[in-house]
Amino acid sequence: PKSALECLDLCDKILYPNIYTLLHILATLPVSTATPERTFSSLRRLKTYLRNTTSENRLNVLALMNIHYNVNLDTKHIVDIF
């Protein structure tokens, strides 16, 4: 077998329950950790020397806006809130 899913199909659940469970876990693990790395690199860009005095709440909002950049925002609604 070339992948964990192929092994999982070939493995007998009754004869090898522990190996079947391990293969099931292996097949569901994420392949990469790009999302956490992207989050930390965004935070590093936001938390510069000039922004060290930024409050925690504002920093969290800026980080969320930077990470979820593809969400469309209604600027008129945001200005009305402030």
Protein backbone atom coordinates (compact mmCIF):
# COMPACT_ATOMS: atom_id res chain seq x y z
CA PRO A 1 0.00 0.00 0.00
CA LYS A 2 1.16 3.51 -0.84
CA SER A 3 -0.91 5.46 1.68
CA ALA A 4 -2.45 5.15 5.12
CA LEU A 5 -5.92 4.92 3.59
CA GLU A 6 -4.93 1.95 1.46
CA CYS A 7 -3.44 0.26 4.55
CA LEU A 8 -6.63 0.98 6.44
CA ASP A 9 -8.68 -0.72 3.73
CA LEU A 10 -6.44 -3.79 3.80
CA CYS A 11 -6.19 -4.07 7.60
CA ASP A 12 -8.60 -6.45 9.32
CA LYS A 13 -10.35 -4.64 12.19
CA ILE A 14 -11.17 -7.85 14.06
CA LEU A 15 -7.70 -9.45 13.90
CA TYR A 16 -5.66 -6.27 14.48
CA PRO A 17 -7.78 -3.75 16.39
CA ASN A 18 -4.83 -1.73 17.73
CA ILE A 19 -3.14 -1.45 14.36
CA TYR A 20 -6.47 -0.52 12.78
CA THR A 21 -6.93 2.26 15.36
CA LEU A 22 -3.39 3.57 14.78
CA LEU A 23 -3.91 3.58 11.01
CA HIS A 24 -7.22 5.39 11.49
CA ILE A 25 -5.48 8.09 13.54
CA LEU A 26 -2.64 8.31 11.01
CA ALA A 27 -5.11 8.78 8.17
CA THR A 28 -6.83 11.69 9.92
CA LEU A 29 -3.73 13.65 11.00
CA PRO A 30 -3.14 16.91 9.15
CA VAL A 31 -0.34 16.87 6.61
CA SER A 32 1.14 20.27 7.41
CA THR A 33 1.08 23.00 10.01
CA ALA A 34 0.76 25.96 7.68
CA THR A 35 -2.14 27.61 9.52
CA PRO A 36 -0.40 28.00 12.92
CA GLU A 37 2.80 29.15 11.22
CA ARG A 38 0.83 31.74 9.24
CA THR A 39 -0.80 32.94 12.45
CA PHE A 40 2.51 33.42 14.25
CA SER A 41 4.11 35.19 11.31
CA SER A 42 1.11 37.54 11.18
CA LEU A 43 1.48 38.26 14.88
CA ARG A 44 5.19 38.97 14.44
CA ARG A 45 4.42 41.53 11.73
CA LEU A 46 1.76 43.18 13.87
CA LYS A 47 3.70 43.28 17.13
CA THR A 48 6.49 45.63 16.06
CA TYR A 49 8.48 47.98 18.26
CA LEU A 50 6.11 50.87 17.58
CA ARG A 51 3.04 48.81 18.48
CA ASN A 52 4.34 47.42 21.78
CA THR A 53 2.09 49.88 23.59
CA THR A 54 -0.98 48.54 21.78
CA SER A 55 -3.59 47.07 24.11
CA GLU A 56 -4.24 43.33 24.06
CA ASN A 57 -7.79 43.74 22.76
CA ARG A 58 -6.71 45.88 19.80
CA LEU A 59 -3.85 43.52 19.01
CA ASN A 60 -6.26 40.56 18.95
CA VAL A 61 -8.60 42.38 16.57
CA LEU A 62 -5.73 43.38 14.29
CA ALA A 63 -4.43 39.82 14.26
CA LEU A 64 -7.86 38.42 13.38
CA MET A 65 -8.26 40.97 10.60
CA ASN A 66 -4.84 40.06 9.22
CA ILE A 67 -5.44 36.30 9.39
CA HIS A 68 -8.97 36.44 7.93
CA TYR A 69 -8.17 38.99 5.23
CA ASN A 70 -10.63 37.49 2.74
CA VAL A 71 -13.72 38.40 4.82
CA ASN A 72 -15.57 41.37 3.36
CA LEU A 73 -16.28 44.17 5.84
CA ASP A 74 -18.97 46.83 5.65
CA THR A 75 -16.97 49.98 6.42
CA LYS A 76 -20.06 52.19 6.82
CA HIS A 77 -21.40 49.88 9.53
CA ILE A 78 -18.04 49.84 11.32
CA VAL A 79 -17.81 53.67 11.24
CA ASP A 80 -21.35 53.92 12.62
CA ILE A 81 -20.39 51.68 15.56
CA PHE A 82 -17.43 53.88 16.46
